Amino acid sequence: MAHEVVEVVDEFGPDRSQFSESQGLLIVTRGPNLGARYALDTDRITVGRHPDSEIFLDDITVSRKHAELVHTGSHYTLRDTGSLNGTYLNGKCIDKADLDDGDELQIGKFKLAFFHGTKH
């Protein structure tokens, strides 16, 4: 089931008052879904080109099962799930990494900004 796109971003970034302290948000900053916003509201979120991905990125540069976001406690971890083109965090190819507020993810030709419910 794909995550619902939410409208909570102004020109300066997300309205953090709309999210709990531990909730995350992804915003597409480059790619065909430019401006799409995804509330990270479950403990495990799949990202990929497969239509059953919670975050569906429809482009050949994205693997069908490309990556996943895991929410544990108050933080999120990004994990590559065997993608062909790799998963990048702040320009560096990663297998697994914890996310910080303001991080930039690259999955295929998509770039996404990660935000936490409140700045820490």
N, C-alpha and C. Protein backbone atom coordinates (compact mmCIF):
# COMPACT_ATOMS: atom_id res chain seq x y z
N MET A 1 0.84 -1.17 0.00
CA MET A 1 0.00 0.00 0.00
C MET A 1 0.89 1.24 0.00
N ALA A 2 0.74 2.11 -0.96
CA ALA A 2 1.55 3.31 -1.07
C ALA A 2 1.17 4.31 0.01
N HIS A 3 2.19 5.02 0.52
CA HIS A 3 1.94 6.06 1.51
C HIS A 3 1.22 7.22 0.86
N GLU A 4 0.34 7.84 1.61
CA GLU A 4 -0.39 9.00 1.14
C GLU A 4 0.56 10.19 1.08
N VAL A 5 0.48 10.95 0.00
CA VAL A 5 1.26 12.16 -0.12
C VAL A 5 0.56 13.23 0.71
N VAL A 6 1.29 13.91 1.58
CA VAL A 6 0.69 14.93 2.43
C VAL A 6 1.19 16.31 2.02
N GLU A 7 0.38 17.32 2.25
CA GLU A 7 0.74 18.69 1.91
C GLU A 7 1.05 19.46 3.18
N VAL A 8 2.30 19.47 3.60
CA VAL A 8 2.66 20.13 4.86
C VAL A 8 3.91 20.98 4.72
N VAL A 9 4.31 21.31 3.52
CA VAL A 9 5.57 22.00 3.32
C VAL A 9 5.33 23.40 2.79
N ASP A 10 6.01 24.37 3.40
CA ASP A 10 5.99 25.72 2.86
C ASP A 10 7.35 25.96 2.21
N GLU A 11 7.62 27.17 1.78
CA GLU A 11 8.86 27.45 1.07
C GLU A 11 10.11 27.26 1.92
N PHE A 12 9.98 27.17 3.25
CA PHE A 12 11.13 27.03 4.13
C PHE A 12 11.31 25.61 4.65
N GLY A 13 10.48 24.70 4.25
CA GLY A 13 10.57 23.33 4.74
C GLY A 13 9.27 22.89 5.36
N PRO A 14 9.26 21.75 6.03
CA PRO A 14 8.01 21.21 6.56
C PRO A 14 7.50 21.99 7.77
N ASP A 15 6.20 21.97 7.95
CA ASP A 15 5.58 22.52 9.16
C ASP A 15 5.71 21.45 10.23
N ARG A 16 6.71 21.57 11.07
CA ARG A 16 7.03 20.53 12.05
C ARG A 16 5.95 20.37 13.11
N SER A 17 5.09 21.35 13.27
CA SER A 17 4.02 21.23 14.27
C SER A 17 3.00 20.17 13.87
N GLN A 18 3.02 19.73 12.62
CA GLN A 18 2.07 18.74 12.13
C GLN A 18 2.50 17.31 12.45
N PHE A 19 3.70 17.13 13.00
CA PHE A 19 4.24 15.79 13.23
C PHE A 19 4.66 15.62 14.68
N SER A 20 4.57 14.37 15.14
CA SER A 20 5.08 14.08 16.48
C SER A 20 6.60 14.17 16.45
N GLU A 21 7.20 14.25 17.63
CA GLU A 21 8.65 14.42 17.72
C GLU A 21 9.41 13.29 17.03
N SER A 22 8.86 12.09 17.06
CA SER A 22 9.58 10.95 16.48
C SER A 22 9.20 10.66 15.03
N GLN A 23 8.22 11.36 14.48
CA GLN A 23 7.77 11.08 13.12
C GLN A 23 8.67 11.76 12.09
N GLY A 24 8.87 11.09 10.97
CA GLY A 24 9.69 11.63 9.90
C GLY A 24 8.87 12.00 8.68
N LEU A 25 9.53 12.70 7.76
CA LEU A 25 8.92 13.16 6.52
C LEU A 25 9.97 13.13 5.43
N LEU A 26 9.61 12.64 4.25
CA LEU A 26 10.47 12.70 3.07
C LEU A 26 9.83 13.61 2.05
N ILE A 27 10.64 14.46 1.42
CA ILE A 27 10.17 15.35 0.36
C ILE A 27 11.04 15.11 -0.86
N VAL A 28 10.41 14.84 -2.01
CA VAL A 28 11.15 14.65 -3.25
C VAL A 28 11.63 16.02 -3.73
N THR A 29 12.97 16.18 -3.83
CA THR A 29 13.55 17.45 -4.26
C THR A 29 14.09 17.40 -5.68
N ARG A 30 14.19 16.19 -6.25
CA ARG A 30 14.59 16.04 -7.65
C ARG A 30 14.03 14.73 -8.18
N GLY A 31 13.46 14.79 -9.38
CA GLY A 31 12.91 13.61 -10.01
C GLY A 31 11.49 13.84 -10.46
N PRO A 32 10.91 12.84 -11.11
CA PRO A 32 9.55 12.98 -11.65
C PRO A 32 8.48 13.34 -10.63
N ASN A 33 8.65 12.97 -9.38
CA ASN A 33 7.65 13.26 -8.34
C ASN A 33 8.01 14.52 -7.56
N LEU A 34 8.70 15.47 -8.19
CA LEU A 34 9.17 16.68 -7.52
C LEU A 34 8.09 17.30 -6.65
N GLY A 35 8.41 17.53 -5.39
CA GLY A 35 7.48 18.15 -4.45
C GLY A 35 6.62 17.17 -3.67
N ALA A 36 6.62 15.89 -4.05
CA ALA A 36 5.82 14.91 -3.31
C ALA A 36 6.37 14.80 -1.89
N ARG A 37 5.45 14.65 -0.93
CA ARG A 37 5.81 14.58 0.48
C ARG A 37 5.23 13.30 1.07
N TYR A 38 6.05 12.57 1.79
CA TYR A 38 5.62 11.29 2.35
C TYR A 38 5.81 11.29 3.87
N ALA A 39 4.71 11.13 4.60
CA ALA A 39 4.78 10.99 6.05
C ALA A 39 5.29 9.59 6.38
N LEU A 40 6.30 9.51 7.22
CA LEU A 40 6.87 8.22 7.62
C LEU A 40 6.19 7.80 8.91
N ASP A 41 5.07 7.11 8.75
CA ASP A 41 4.20 6.85 9.90
C ASP A 41 4.07 5.37 10.27
N THR A 42 4.96 4.53 9.76
CA THR A 42 5.00 3.13 10.17
C THR A 42 6.45 2.77 10.52
N ASP A 43 6.64 1.61 11.14
CA ASP A 43 7.98 1.22 11.59
C ASP A 43 8.90 0.76 10.47
N ARG A 44 8.34 0.32 9.35
CA ARG A 44 9.15 -0.14 8.22
C ARG A 44 8.48 0.33 6.94
N ILE A 45 9.23 1.04 6.11
CA ILE A 45 8.69 1.61 4.88
C ILE A 45 9.59 1.17 3.73
N THR A 46 8.99 0.53 2.74
CA THR A 46 9.74 0.09 1.57
C THR A 46 9.72 1.18 0.51
N VAL A 47 10.84 1.28 -0.21
CA VAL A 47 10.99 2.27 -1.28
C VAL A 47 11.45 1.54 -2.52
N GLY A 48 10.76 1.76 -3.64
CA GLY A 48 11.18 1.10 -4.87
C GLY A 48 10.24 1.33 -6.03
N ARG A 49 10.56 0.63 -7.12
CA ARG A 49 9.79 0.73 -8.35
C ARG A 49 8.64 -0.28 -8.39
N HIS A 50 8.60 -1.20 -7.44
CA HIS A 50 7.50 -2.16 -7.38
C HIS A 50 6.23 -1.43 -6.94
N PRO A 51 5.10 -1.67 -7.61
CA PRO A 51 3.86 -0.96 -7.25
C PRO A 51 3.41 -1.17 -5.80
N ASP A 52 3.86 -2.23 -5.15
CA ASP A 52 3.49 -2.47 -3.75
C ASP A 52 4.39 -1.73 -2.75
N SER A 53 5.39 -1.01 -3.23
CA SER A 53 6.26 -0.24 -2.33
C SER A 53 5.45 0.85 -1.66
N GLU A 54 5.73 1.07 -0.37
CA GLU A 54 5.04 2.16 0.33
C GLU A 54 5.38 3.51 -0.30
N ILE A 55 6.65 3.69 -0.69
CA ILE A 55 7.04 4.88 -1.44
C ILE A 55 7.43 4.40 -2.82
N PHE A 56 6.54 4.64 -3.78
CA PHE A 56 6.67 4.15 -5.16
C PHE A 56 7.38 5.21 -6.00
N LEU A 57 8.58 4.87 -6.49
CA LEU A 57 9.36 5.77 -7.33
C LEU A 57 9.47 5.12 -8.70
N ASP A 58 8.66 5.58 -9.62
CA ASP A 58 8.50 4.94 -10.92
C ASP A 58 9.52 5.44 -11.94
N ASP A 59 10.70 4.83 -11.92
CA ASP A 59 11.74 5.16 -12.90
C ASP A 59 12.67 3.96 -13.00
N ILE A 60 13.20 3.73 -14.19
CA ILE A 60 14.06 2.58 -14.45
C ILE A 60 15.35 2.62 -13.62
N THR A 61 15.76 3.79 -13.13
CA THR A 61 16.98 3.90 -12.32
C THR A 61 16.77 3.41 -10.89
N VAL A 62 15.52 3.12 -10.54
CA VAL A 62 15.16 2.64 -9.20
C VAL A 62 14.88 1.15 -9.28
N SER A 63 15.49 0.36 -8.40
CA SER A 63 15.21 -1.08 -8.36
C SER A 63 13.81 -1.33 -7.82
N ARG A 64 13.25 -2.48 -8.18
CA ARG A 64 11.89 -2.80 -7.73
C ARG A 64 11.80 -2.78 -6.20
N LYS A 65 12.78 -3.36 -5.54
CA LYS A 65 12.87 -3.32 -4.07
C LYS A 65 14.21 -2.66 -3.75
N HIS A 66 14.23 -1.35 -3.74
CA HIS A 66 15.48 -0.59 -3.70
C HIS A 66 16.02 -0.39 -2.29
N ALA A 67 15.16 0.09 -1.39
CA ALA A 67 15.63 0.44 -0.04
C ALA A 67 14.48 0.35 0.94
N GLU A 68 14.82 0.47 2.21
CA GLU A 68 13.78 0.55 3.24
C GLU A 68 14.22 1.52 4.32
N LEU A 69 13.22 2.10 4.97
CA LEU A 69 13.43 2.97 6.12
C LEU A 69 12.86 2.26 7.32
N VAL A 70 13.66 2.14 8.37
CA VAL A 70 13.22 1.46 9.59
C VAL A 70 13.20 2.48 10.72
N HIS A 71 12.07 2.57 11.40
CA HIS A 71 11.88 3.50 12.51
C HIS A 71 12.00 2.73 13.82
N THR A 72 12.98 3.09 14.63
CA THR A 72 13.20 2.46 15.93
C THR A 72 13.33 3.56 16.97
N GLY A 73 12.44 3.54 17.95
CA GLY A 73 12.50 4.59 18.97
C GLY A 73 12.28 5.95 18.37
N SER A 74 13.29 6.81 18.47
CA SER A 74 13.16 8.16 17.94
C SER A 74 14.03 8.41 16.71
N HIS A 75 14.57 7.34 16.10
CA HIS A 75 15.40 7.57 14.91
C HIS A 75 15.02 6.64 13.76
N TYR A 76 15.50 7.01 12.58
CA TYR A 76 15.25 6.25 11.36
C TYR A 76 16.58 5.75 10.80
N THR A 77 16.54 4.55 10.23
CA THR A 77 17.69 3.97 9.56
C THR A 77 17.32 3.71 8.11
N LEU A 78 18.20 4.09 7.19
CA LEU A 78 18.04 3.83 5.77
C LEU A 78 18.90 2.62 5.43
N ARG A 79 18.31 1.65 4.71
CA ARG A 79 19.05 0.44 4.35
C ARG A 79 18.81 0.12 2.88
N ASP A 80 19.89 -0.09 2.14
CA ASP A 80 19.79 -0.54 0.76
C ASP A 80 19.41 -2.02 0.78
N THR A 81 18.47 -2.42 -0.08
CA THR A 81 18.02 -3.82 -0.08
C THR A 81 18.47 -4.56 -1.33
N GLY A 82 19.73 -4.32 -1.71
CA GLY A 82 20.31 -5.02 -2.86
C GLY A 82 20.02 -4.35 -4.19
N SER A 83 19.92 -3.03 -4.18
CA SER A 83 19.61 -2.30 -5.42
C SER A 83 20.76 -2.38 -6.41
N LEU A 84 20.44 -2.20 -7.68
CA LEU A 84 21.46 -2.22 -8.73
C LEU A 84 22.30 -0.95 -8.73
N ASN A 85 21.67 0.21 -8.56
CA ASN A 85 22.36 1.49 -8.68
C ASN A 85 22.81 2.09 -7.34
N GLY A 86 22.54 1.42 -6.25
CA GLY A 86 22.97 1.90 -4.94
C GLY A 86 22.01 2.91 -4.32
N THR A 87 22.19 3.10 -3.03
CA THR A 87 21.43 4.08 -2.25
C THR A 87 22.45 5.04 -1.65
N TYR A 88 22.19 6.33 -1.80
CA TYR A 88 23.14 7.35 -1.39
C TYR A 88 22.56 8.22 -0.28
N LEU A 89 23.42 8.55 0.67
CA LEU A 89 23.07 9.45 1.76
C LEU A 89 24.10 10.56 1.78
N ASN A 90 23.63 11.78 1.53
CA ASN A 90 24.51 12.95 1.47
C ASN A 90 25.69 12.72 0.52
N GLY A 91 25.40 12.11 -0.63
CA GLY A 91 26.40 11.90 -1.67
C GLY A 91 27.27 10.68 -1.52
N LYS A 92 27.10 9.91 -0.45
CA LYS A 92 27.93 8.73 -0.20
C LYS A 92 27.09 7.47 -0.32
N CYS A 93 27.60 6.49 -1.09
CA CYS A 93 26.89 5.21 -1.25
C CYS A 93 26.91 4.46 0.09
N ILE A 94 25.74 4.00 0.51
CA ILE A 94 25.65 3.32 1.81
C ILE A 94 24.95 1.97 1.67
N ASP A 95 25.23 1.08 2.61
CA ASP A 95 24.45 -0.14 2.76
C ASP A 95 23.39 0.08 3.83
N LYS A 96 23.81 0.78 4.91
CA LYS A 96 22.92 1.05 6.03
C LYS A 96 23.45 2.27 6.76
N ALA A 97 22.55 3.19 7.12
CA ALA A 97 22.98 4.39 7.85
C ALA A 97 21.80 5.00 8.60
N ASP A 98 22.10 5.58 9.76
CA ASP A 98 21.09 6.32 10.51
C ASP A 98 20.89 7.68 9.86
N LEU A 99 19.65 8.18 9.91
CA LEU A 99 19.31 9.46 9.29
C LEU A 99 19.28 10.58 10.32
N ASP A 100 19.72 11.75 9.89
CA ASP A 100 19.64 12.97 10.69
C ASP A 100 18.76 13.97 9.96
N ASP A 101 18.17 14.88 10.73
CA ASP A 101 17.32 15.91 10.16
C ASP A 101 18.07 16.68 9.07
N GLY A 102 17.45 16.82 7.90
CA GLY A 102 18.05 17.56 6.80
C GLY A 102 18.89 16.72 5.85
N ASP A 103 19.05 15.42 6.12
CA ASP A 103 19.83 14.55 5.24
C ASP A 103 19.21 14.48 3.85
N GLU A 104 20.08 14.26 2.84
CA GLU A 104 19.61 14.09 1.47
C GLU A 104 19.83 12.65 1.03
N LEU A 105 18.76 11.98 0.62
CA LEU A 105 18.82 10.62 0.12
C LEU A 105 18.78 10.68 -1.40
N GLN A 106 19.51 9.78 -2.06
CA GLN A 106 19.38 9.64 -3.50
C GLN A 106 19.10 8.18 -3.81
N ILE A 107 17.99 7.97 -4.50
CA ILE A 107 17.55 6.65 -4.91
C ILE A 107 17.26 6.75 -6.40
N GLY A 108 18.14 6.12 -7.21
CA GLY A 108 18.02 6.32 -8.65
C GLY A 108 18.22 7.79 -8.97
N LYS A 109 17.38 8.33 -9.85
CA LYS A 109 17.52 9.76 -10.17
C LYS A 109 16.72 10.66 -9.23
N PHE A 110 16.10 10.08 -8.22
CA PHE A 110 15.33 10.84 -7.24
C PHE A 110 16.24 11.31 -6.10
N LYS A 111 16.05 12.56 -5.69
CA LYS A 111 16.66 13.05 -4.46
C LYS A 111 15.52 13.39 -3.52
N LEU A 112 15.70 13.01 -2.26
CA LEU A 112 14.67 13.23 -1.24
C LEU A 112 15.32 13.83 0.00
N ALA A 113 14.65 14.80 0.58
CA ALA A 113 15.12 15.40 1.83
C ALA A 113 14.38 14.74 2.99
N PHE A 114 15.14 14.42 4.04
CA PHE A 114 14.56 13.80 5.23
C PHE A 114 14.43 14.84 6.33
N PHE A 115 13.26 14.88 6.96
CA PHE A 115 13.04 15.77 8.09
C PHE A 115 12.44 14.98 9.24
N HIS A 116 12.83 15.36 10.46
CA HIS A 116 12.26 14.79 11.67
C HIS A 116 11.13 15.69 12.13
N GLY A 117 10.23 15.16 12.97
CA GLY A 117 9.09 15.95 13.45
C GLY A 117 9.49 17.26 14.10
N THR A 118 10.55 17.24 14.86
CA THR A 118 11.09 18.47 15.44
C THR A 118 12.60 18.42 15.29
N LYS A 119 13.22 19.57 15.20
CA LYS A 119 14.69 19.59 15.13
C LYS A 119 15.25 19.18 16.48
N HIS A 120 16.30 18.39 16.45
CA HIS A 120 16.95 17.94 17.70
C HIS A 120 18.22 18.72 17.90
